[in-house]
Amino acid sequence: IGIREIRKHAAWYTAGYRNSSRLRGKINEAE
């Protein structure tokens, strides 16, 4: 549960930073 719930937070944290959209795609695959 913890990893799945951190995904949305990680997307918010990195918005506006360089390479953030590519990173968000990878975050959703983190297990």
PDB file of all heavy atoms in Angstrom:
ATOM      1  N   ILE A   1       0.846  -1.204   0.000  1.00  0.00           N
ATOM      2  CA  ILE A   1       0.000   0.000   0.000  1.00  0.00           C
ATOM      3  C   ILE A   1       0.878   1.250   0.000  1.00  0.00           C
ATOM      4  O   ILE A   1       0.614   2.216  -0.723  1.00  0.00           O
ATOM      5  CB  ILE A   1      -0.951   0.010   1.224  1.00  0.00           C
ATOM      6  CG1 ILE A   1      -1.967  -1.121   1.097  1.00  0.00           C
ATOM      7  CG2 ILE A   1      -1.673   1.350   1.345  1.00  0.00           C
ATOM      8  CD1 ILE A   1      -2.834  -1.333   2.313  1.00  0.00           C
ATOM      9  N   GLY A   2       1.929   1.229   0.808  1.00  0.00           N
ATOM     10  CA  GLY A   2       2.789   2.409   0.948  1.00  0.00           C
ATOM     11  C   GLY A   2       3.371   2.892  -0.374  1.00  0.00           C
ATOM     12  O   GLY A   2       3.325   4.087  -0.688  1.00  0.00           O
ATOM     13  N   ILE A   3       3.897   1.964  -1.174  1.00  0.00           N
ATOM     14  CA  ILE A   3       4.499   2.348  -2.464  1.00  0.00           C
ATOM     15  C   ILE A   3       3.429   2.886  -3.408  1.00  0.00           C
ATOM     16  O   ILE A   3       3.642   3.873  -4.113  1.00  0.00           O
ATOM     17  CB  ILE A   3       5.247   1.139  -3.103  1.00  0.00           C
ATOM     18  CG1 ILE A   3       6.605   0.957  -2.402  1.00  0.00           C
ATOM     19  CG2 ILE A   3       5.437   1.332  -4.595  1.00  0.00           C
ATOM     20  CD1 ILE A   3       7.606   2.089  -2.611  1.00  0.00           C
ATOM     21  N   ARG A   4       2.279   2.244  -3.419  1.00  0.00           N
ATOM     22  CA  ARG A   4       1.220   2.723  -4.326  1.00  0.00           C
ATOM     23  C   ARG A   4       0.696   4.101  -3.923  1.00  0.00           C
ATOM     24  O   ARG A   4       0.385   4.922  -4.776  1.00  0.00           O
ATOM     25  CB  ARG A   4       0.085   1.684  -4.378  1.00  0.00           C
ATOM     26  CG  ARG A   4       0.403   0.575  -5.369  1.00  0.00           C
ATOM     27  CD  ARG A   4      -0.205  -0.766  -5.055  1.00  0.00           C
ATOM     28  NE  ARG A   4       0.302  -1.767  -6.013  1.00  0.00           N
ATOM     29  CZ  ARG A   4       1.493  -2.348  -5.917  1.00  0.00           C
ATOM     30  NH1 ARG A   4       2.303  -2.050  -4.914  1.00  0.00           N
ATOM     31  NH2 ARG A   4       1.892  -3.226  -6.825  1.00  0.00           N
ATOM     32  N   GLU A   5       0.631   4.348  -2.622  1.00  0.00           N
ATOM     33  CA  GLU A   5       0.130   5.652  -2.172  1.00  0.00           C
ATOM     34  C   GLU A   5       1.151   6.772  -2.342  1.00  0.00           C
ATOM     35  O   GLU A   5       0.779   7.930  -2.478  1.00  0.00           O
ATOM     36  CB  GLU A   5      -0.355   5.569  -0.715  1.00  0.00           C
ATOM     37  CG  GLU A   5      -1.635   4.763  -0.591  1.00  0.00           C
ATOM     38  CD  GLU A   5      -2.346   4.965   0.738  1.00  0.00           C
ATOM     39  OE1 GLU A   5      -1.857   5.733   1.584  1.00  0.00           O
ATOM     40  OE2 GLU A   5      -3.410   4.340   0.911  1.00  0.00           O
ATOM     41  N   ILE A   6       2.431   6.440  -2.327  1.00  0.00           N
ATOM     42  CA  ILE A   6       3.452   7.497  -2.475  1.00  0.00           C
ATOM     43  C   ILE A   6       3.523   7.987  -3.924  1.00  0.00           C
ATOM     44  O   ILE A   6       4.009   9.084  -4.197  1.00  0.00           O
ATOM     45  CB  ILE A   6       4.849   7.001  -1.998  1.00  0.00           C
ATOM     46  CG1 ILE A   6       5.801   8.194  -1.721  1.00  0.00           C
ATOM     47  CG2 ILE A   6       5.498   6.079  -3.008  1.00  0.00           C
ATOM     48  CD1 ILE A   6       5.369   9.105  -0.606  1.00  0.00           C
ATOM     49  N   ARG A   7       3.003   7.205  -4.872  1.00  0.00           N
ATOM     50  CA  ARG A   7       3.126   7.578  -6.290  1.00  0.00           C
ATOM     51  C   ARG A   7       2.511   8.945  -6.584  1.00  0.00           C
ATOM     52  O   ARG A   7       3.116   9.776  -7.249  1.00  0.00           O
ATOM     53  CB  ARG A   7       2.487   6.505  -7.178  1.00  0.00           C
ATOM     54  CG  ARG A   7       3.268   5.203  -7.214  1.00  0.00           C
ATOM     55  CD  ARG A   7       2.458   4.129  -7.917  1.00  0.00           C
ATOM     56  NE  ARG A   7       3.180   2.859  -7.987  1.00  0.00           N
ATOM     57  CZ  ARG A   7       2.621   1.711  -8.355  1.00  0.00           C
ATOM     58  NH1 ARG A   7       1.335   1.687  -8.680  1.00  0.00           N
ATOM     59  NH2 ARG A   7       3.323   0.602  -8.394  1.00  0.00           N
ATOM     60  N   LYS A   8       1.284   9.187  -6.091  1.00  0.00           N
ATOM     61  CA  LYS A   8       0.635  10.484  -6.374  1.00  0.00           C
ATOM     62  C   LYS A   8       1.407  11.624  -5.704  1.00  0.00           C
ATOM     63  O   LYS A   8       1.561  12.699  -6.277  1.00  0.00           O
ATOM     64  CB  LYS A   8      -0.823  10.473  -5.929  1.00  0.00           C
ATOM     65  CG  LYS A   8      -1.037  10.368  -4.436  1.00  0.00           C
ATOM     66  CD  LYS A   8      -2.505  10.215  -4.072  1.00  0.00           C
ATOM     67  CE  LYS A   8      -2.638   9.933  -2.578  1.00  0.00           C
ATOM     68  NZ  LYS A   8      -3.908   9.333  -2.229  1.00  0.00           N
ATOM     69  N   HIS A   9       1.899  11.364  -4.475  1.00  0.00           N
ATOM     70  CA  HIS A   9       2.671  12.392  -3.784  1.00  0.00           C
ATOM     71  C   HIS A   9       3.952  12.717  -4.559  1.00  0.00           C
ATOM     72  O   HIS A   9       4.313  13.891  -4.706  1.00  0.00           O
ATOM     73  CB  HIS A   9       3.044  11.927  -2.372  1.00  0.00           C
ATOM     74  CG  HIS A   9       1.890  11.859  -1.422  1.00  0.00           C
ATOM     75  ND1 HIS A   9       1.361  12.974  -0.804  1.00  0.00           N
ATOM     76  CD2 HIS A   9       1.151  10.808  -0.987  1.00  0.00           C
ATOM     77  CE1 HIS A   9       0.357  12.612  -0.021  1.00  0.00           C
ATOM     78  NE2 HIS A   9       0.207  11.302  -0.119  1.00  0.00           N
ATOM     79  N   ALA A  10       4.625  11.669  -5.041  1.00  0.00           N
ATOM     80  CA  ALA A  10       5.872  11.875  -5.798  1.00  0.00           C
ATOM     81  C   ALA A  10       5.625  12.705  -7.049  1.00  0.00           C
ATOM     82  O   ALA A  10       6.434  13.563  -7.414  1.00  0.00           O
ATOM     83  CB  ALA A  10       6.493  10.525  -6.150  1.00  0.00           C
ATOM     84  N   ALA A  11       4.484  12.486  -7.692  1.00  0.00           N
ATOM     85  CA  ALA A  11       4.128  13.277  -8.884  1.00  0.00           C
ATOM     86  C   ALA A  11       3.935  14.750  -8.512  1.00  0.00           C
ATOM     87  O   ALA A  11       4.373  15.643  -9.226  1.00  0.00           O
ATOM     88  CB  ALA A  11       2.861  12.715  -9.521  1.00  0.00           C
ATOM     89  N   TRP A  12       3.284  14.992  -7.374  1.00  0.00           N
ATOM     90  CA  TRP A  12       3.095  16.386  -6.916  1.00  0.00           C
ATOM     91  C   TRP A  12       4.434  17.028  -6.556  1.00  0.00           C
ATOM     92  O   TRP A  12       4.692  18.180  -6.902  1.00  0.00           O
ATOM     93  CB  TRP A  12       2.173  16.428  -5.694  1.00  0.00           C
ATOM     94  CG  TRP A  12       0.747  16.081  -5.970  1.00  0.00           C
ATOM     95  CD1 TRP A  12       0.048  16.304  -7.119  1.00  0.00           C
ATOM     96  CD2 TRP A  12      -0.178  15.437  -5.073  1.00  0.00           C
ATOM     97  NE1 TRP A  12      -1.252  15.841  -7.001  1.00  0.00           N
ATOM     98  CE2 TRP A  12      -1.419  15.314  -5.758  1.00  0.00           C
ATOM     99  CE3 TRP A  12      -0.090  14.960  -3.758  1.00  0.00           C
ATOM    100  CZ2 TRP A  12      -2.544  14.732  -5.174  1.00  0.00           C
ATOM    101  CZ3 TRP A  12      -1.210  14.396  -3.172  1.00  0.00           C
ATOM    102  CH2 TRP A  12      -2.412  14.273  -3.874  1.00  0.00           C
ATOM    103  N   TYR A  13       5.273  16.280  -5.839  1.00  0.00           N
ATOM    104  CA  TYR A  13       6.566  16.827  -5.402  1.00  0.00           C
ATOM    105  C   TYR A  13       7.427  17.286  -6.584  1.00  0.00           C
ATOM    106  O   TYR A  13       8.126  18.285  -6.496  1.00  0.00           O
ATOM    107  CB  TYR A  13       7.368  15.760  -4.636  1.00  0.00           C
ATOM    108  CG  TYR A  13       7.046  15.609  -3.169  1.00  0.00           C
ATOM    109  CD1 TYR A  13       6.392  14.472  -2.688  1.00  0.00           C
ATOM    110  CD2 TYR A  13       7.422  16.579  -2.247  1.00  0.00           C
ATOM    111  CE1 TYR A  13       6.113  14.312  -1.330  1.00  0.00           C
ATOM    112  CE2 TYR A  13       7.155  16.427  -0.891  1.00  0.00           C
ATOM    113  CZ  TYR A  13       6.502  15.295  -0.438  1.00  0.00           C
ATOM    114  OH  TYR A  13       6.231  15.146   0.906  1.00  0.00           O
ATOM    115  N   THR A  14       7.389  16.526  -7.666  1.00  0.00           N
ATOM    116  CA  THR A  14       8.336  16.775  -8.763  1.00  0.00           C
ATOM    117  C   THR A  14       7.774  17.657  -9.871  1.00  0.00           C
ATOM    118  O   THR A  14       8.496  18.006 -10.806  1.00  0.00           O
ATOM    119  CB  THR A  14       8.785  15.428  -9.379  1.00  0.00           C
ATOM    120  OG1 THR A  14       7.619  14.681  -9.772  1.00  0.00           O
ATOM    121  CG2 THR A  14       9.593  14.607  -8.371  1.00  0.00           C
ATOM    122  N   ALA A  15       6.498  18.026  -9.784  1.00  0.00           N
ATOM    123  CA  ALA A  15       5.897  18.876 -10.832  1.00  0.00           C
ATOM    124  C   ALA A  15       6.691  20.170 -10.973  1.00  0.00           C
ATOM    125  O   ALA A  15       7.048  20.807  -9.986  1.00  0.00           O
ATOM    126  CB  ALA A  15       4.449  19.189 -10.472  1.00  0.00           C
ATOM    127  N   GLY A  16       7.006  20.515 -12.207  1.00  0.00           N
ATOM    128  CA  GLY A  16       7.721  21.759 -12.467  1.00  0.00           C
ATOM    129  C   GLY A  16       9.235  21.625 -12.468  1.00  0.00           C
ATOM    130  O   GLY A  16       9.942  22.577 -12.814  1.00  0.00           O
ATOM    131  N   TYR A  17       9.750  20.466 -12.093  1.00  0.00           N
ATOM    132  CA  TYR A  17      11.199  20.247 -12.141  1.00  0.00           C
ATOM    133  C   TYR A  17      11.571  19.601 -13.474  1.00  0.00           C
ATOM    134  O   TYR A  17      10.740  18.977 -14.127  1.00  0.00           O
ATOM    135  CB  TYR A  17      11.655  19.363 -10.967  1.00  0.00           C
ATOM    136  CG  TYR A  17      11.649  20.098  -9.636  1.00  0.00           C
ATOM    137  CD1 TYR A  17      10.482  20.215  -8.891  1.00  0.00           C
ATOM    138  CD2 TYR A  17      12.809  20.681  -9.137  1.00  0.00           C
ATOM    139  CE1 TYR A  17      10.450  20.892  -7.683  1.00  0.00           C
ATOM    140  CE2 TYR A  17      12.806  21.357  -7.920  1.00  0.00           C
ATOM    141  CZ  TYR A  17      11.624  21.462  -7.207  1.00  0.00           C
ATOM    142  OH  TYR A  17      11.612  22.143  -6.004  1.00  0.00           O
ATOM    143  N   ARG A  18      12.815  19.751 -13.843  1.00  0.00           N
ATOM    144  CA  ARG A  18      13.300  19.219 -15.120  1.00  0.00           C
ATOM    145  C   ARG A  18      13.114  17.696 -15.186  1.00  0.00           C
ATOM    146  O   ARG A  18      13.349  17.007 -14.200  1.00  0.00           O
ATOM    147  CB  ARG A  18      14.797  19.569 -15.235  1.00  0.00           C
ATOM    148  CG  ARG A  18      15.324  19.462 -16.633  1.00  0.00           C
ATOM    149  CD  ARG A  18      16.732  20.018 -16.692  1.00  0.00           C
ATOM    150  NE  ARG A  18      17.407  19.466 -17.852  1.00  0.00           N
ATOM    151  CZ  ARG A  18      18.706  19.220 -17.898  1.00  0.00           C
ATOM    152  NH1 ARG A  18      19.451  19.474 -16.856  1.00  0.00           N
ATOM    153  NH2 ARG A  18      19.248  18.750 -18.982  1.00  0.00           N
ATOM    154  N   ASN A  19      12.688  17.205 -16.320  1.00  0.00           N
ATOM    155  CA  ASN A  19      12.478  15.759 -16.562  1.00  0.00           C
ATOM    156  C   ASN A  19      11.371  15.150 -15.691  1.00  0.00           C
ATOM    157  O   ASN A  19      11.290  13.926 -15.560  1.00  0.00           O
ATOM    158  CB  ASN A  19      13.781  14.958 -16.334  1.00  0.00           C
ATOM    159  CG  ASN A  19      14.896  15.408 -17.248  1.00  0.00           C
ATOM    160  OD1 ASN A  19      14.641  15.734 -18.409  1.00  0.00           O
ATOM    161  ND2 ASN A  19      16.118  15.458 -16.740  1.00  0.00           N
ATOM    162  N   SER A  20      10.513  16.015 -15.101  1.00  0.00           N
ATOM    163  CA  SER A  20       9.534  15.474 -14.147  1.00  0.00           C
ATOM    164  C   SER A  20       8.458  14.611 -14.809  1.00  0.00           C
ATOM    165  O   SER A  20       8.007  13.631 -14.217  1.00  0.00           O
ATOM    166  CB  SER A  20       8.884  16.600 -13.339  1.00  0.00           C
ATOM    167  OG  SER A  20       8.184  17.478 -14.182  1.00  0.00           O
ATOM    168  N   SER A  21       8.057  14.930 -16.043  1.00  0.00           N
ATOM    169  CA  SER A  21       6.983  14.128 -16.663  1.00  0.00           C
ATOM    170  C   SER A  21       7.473  12.715 -16.970  1.00  0.00           C
ATOM    171  O   SER A  21       6.745  11.737 -16.772  1.00  0.00           O
ATOM    172  CB  SER A  21       6.441  14.810 -17.918  1.00  0.00           C
ATOM    173  OG  SER A  21       7.473  15.047 -18.833  1.00  0.00           O
ATOM    174  N   ARG A  22       8.725  12.598 -17.422  1.00  0.00           N
ATOM    175  CA  ARG A  22       9.286  11.267 -17.691  1.00  0.00           C
ATOM    176  C   ARG A  22       9.432  10.484 -16.384  1.00  0.00           C
ATOM    177  O   ARG A  22       9.149   9.291 -16.313  1.00  0.00           O
ATOM    178  CB  ARG A  22      10.648  11.424 -18.384  1.00  0.00           C
ATOM    179  CG  ARG A  22      11.210  10.123 -18.955  1.00  0.00           C
ATOM    180  CD  ARG A  22      12.390  10.418 -19.861  1.00  0.00           C
ATOM    181  NE  ARG A  22      13.471  11.080 -19.149  1.00  0.00           N
ATOM    182  CZ  ARG A  22      14.421  10.416 -18.471  1.00  0.00           C
ATOM    183  NH1 ARG A  22      14.394   9.100 -18.430  1.00  0.00           N
ATOM    184  NH2 ARG A  22      15.369  11.056 -17.855  1.00  0.00           N
ATOM    185  N   LEU A  23       9.851  11.196 -15.349  1.00  0.00           N
ATOM    186  CA  LEU A  23      10.026  10.573 -14.042  1.00  0.00           C
ATOM    187  C   LEU A  23       8.688  10.039 -13.510  1.00  0.00           C
ATOM    188  O   LEU A  23       8.631   8.923 -12.996  1.00  0.00           O
ATOM    189  CB  LEU A  23      10.606  11.589 -13.051  1.00  0.00           C
ATOM    190  CG  LEU A  23      10.693  11.141 -11.596  1.00  0.00           C
ATOM    191  CD1 LEU A  23      11.762  10.073 -11.418  1.00  0.00           C
ATOM    192  CD2 LEU A  23      10.981  12.319 -10.672  1.00  0.00           C
ATOM    193  N   ARG A  24       7.616  10.809 -13.687  1.00  0.00           N
ATOM    194  CA  ARG A  24       6.316  10.388 -13.157  1.00  0.00           C
ATOM    195  C   ARG A  24       5.855   9.067 -13.775  1.00  0.00           C
ATOM    196  O   ARG A  24       5.266   8.232 -13.108  1.00  0.00           O
ATOM    197  CB  ARG A  24       5.263  11.481 -13.371  1.00  0.00           C
ATOM    198  CG  ARG A  24       5.400  12.622 -12.378  1.00  0.00           C
ATOM    199  CD  ARG A  24       4.162  13.491 -12.306  1.00  0.00           C
ATOM    200  NE  ARG A  24       3.921  14.252 -13.526  1.00  0.00           N
ATOM    201  CZ  ARG A  24       4.496  15.410 -13.812  1.00  0.00           C
ATOM    202  NH1 ARG A  24       5.366  15.944 -12.975  1.00  0.00           N
ATOM    203  NH2 ARG A  24       4.211  16.050 -14.932  1.00  0.00           N
ATOM    204  N   GLY A  25       6.123   8.894 -15.050  1.00  0.00           N
ATOM    205  CA  GLY A  25       5.780   7.623 -15.697  1.00  0.00           C
ATOM    206  C   GLY A  25       6.502   6.455 -15.050  1.00  0.00           C
ATOM    207  O   GLY A  25       5.930   5.389 -14.839  1.00  0.00           O
ATOM    208  N   LYS A  26       7.773   6.672 -14.707  1.00  0.00           N
ATOM    209  CA  LYS A  26       8.568   5.602 -14.083  1.00  0.00           C
ATOM    210  C   LYS A  26       8.148   5.350 -12.630  1.00  0.00           C
ATOM    211  O   LYS A  26       8.197   4.218 -12.151  1.00  0.00           O
ATOM    212  CB  LYS A  26      10.062   5.962 -14.138  1.00  0.00           C
ATOM    213  CG  LYS A  26      10.636   5.940 -15.556  1.00  0.00           C
ATOM    214  CD  LYS A  26      12.131   6.193 -15.502  1.00  0.00           C
ATOM    215  CE  LYS A  26      12.777   6.050 -16.877  1.00  0.00           C
ATOM    216  NZ  LYS A  26      14.216   6.305 -16.828  1.00  0.00           N
ATOM    217  N   ILE A  27       7.757   6.432 -11.946  1.00  0.00           N
ATOM    218  CA  ILE A  27       7.328   6.286 -10.553  1.00  0.00           C
ATOM    219  C   ILE A  27       6.142   5.329 -10.466  1.00  0.00           C
ATOM    220  O   ILE A  27       6.047   4.512  -9.548  1.00  0.00           O
ATOM    221  CB  ILE A  27       6.947   7.662  -9.947  1.00  0.00           C
ATOM    222  CG1 ILE A  27       8.204   8.492  -9.679  1.00  0.00           C
ATOM    223  CG2 ILE A  27       6.149   7.495  -8.650  1.00  0.00           C
ATOM    224  CD1 ILE A  27       7.930   9.953  -9.371  1.00  0.00           C
ATOM    225  N   ASN A  28       5.243   5.399 -11.438  1.00  0.00           N
ATOM    226  CA  ASN A  28       4.054   4.542 -11.429  1.00  0.00           C
ATOM    227  C   ASN A  28       4.383   3.066 -11.616  1.00  0.00           C
ATOM    228  O   ASN A  28       3.531   2.209 -11.394  1.00  0.00           O
ATOM    229  CB  ASN A  28       3.058   4.998 -12.495  1.00  0.00           C
ATOM    230  CG  ASN A  28       2.367   6.292 -12.100  1.00  0.00           C
ATOM    231  OD1 ASN A  28       2.197   6.563 -10.926  1.00  0.00           O
ATOM    232  ND2 ASN A  28       1.991   7.095 -13.071  1.00  0.00           N
ATOM    233  N   GLU A  29       5.619   2.787 -12.030  1.00  0.00           N
ATOM    234  CA  GLU A  29       6.041   1.390 -12.193  1.00  0.00           C
ATOM    235  C   GLU A  29       6.848   0.892 -10.999  1.00  0.00           C
ATOM    236  O   GLU A  29       7.189  -0.287 -10.911  1.00  0.00           O
ATOM    237  CB  GLU A  29       6.885   1.261 -13.474  1.00  0.00           C
ATOM    238  CG  GLU A  29       6.075   1.540 -14.746  1.00  0.00           C
ATOM    239  CD  GLU A  29       6.970   1.741 -15.967  1.00  0.00           C
ATOM    240  OE1 GLU A  29       8.178   1.437 -15.883  1.00  0.00           O
ATOM    241  OE2 GLU A  29       6.451   2.219 -16.998  1.00  0.00           O
ATOM    242  N   ALA A  30       7.182   1.809 -10.073  1.00  0.00           N
ATOM    243  CA  ALA A  30       7.998   1.414  -8.911  1.00  0.00           C
ATOM    244  C   ALA A  30       7.229   0.425  -8.040  1.00  0.00           C
ATOM    245  O   ALA A  30       6.059   0.643  -7.720  1.00  0.00           O
ATOM    246  CB  ALA A  30       8.367   2.650  -8.099  1.00  0.00           C
ATOM    247  N   GLU A  31       7.876  -0.662  -7.692  1.00  0.00           N
ATOM    248  CA  GLU A  31       7.222  -1.708  -6.894  1.00  0.00           C
ATOM    249  C   GLU A  31       7.738  -1.771  -5.458  1.00  0.00           C
ATOM    250  O   GLU A  31       7.130  -2.413  -4.609  1.00  0.00           O
ATOM    251  CB  GLU A  31       7.442  -3.083  -7.561  1.00  0.00           C
ATOM    252  CG  GLU A  31       6.680  -3.269  -8.866  1.00  0.00           C
ATOM    253  CD  GLU A  31       5.169  -3.314  -8.681  1.00  0.00           C
ATOM    254  OE1 GLU A  31       4.714  -3.754  -7.605  1.00  0.00           O
ATOM    255  OE2 GLU A  31       4.442  -2.885  -9.593  1.00  0.00           O
TER     256      GLU A  31
END
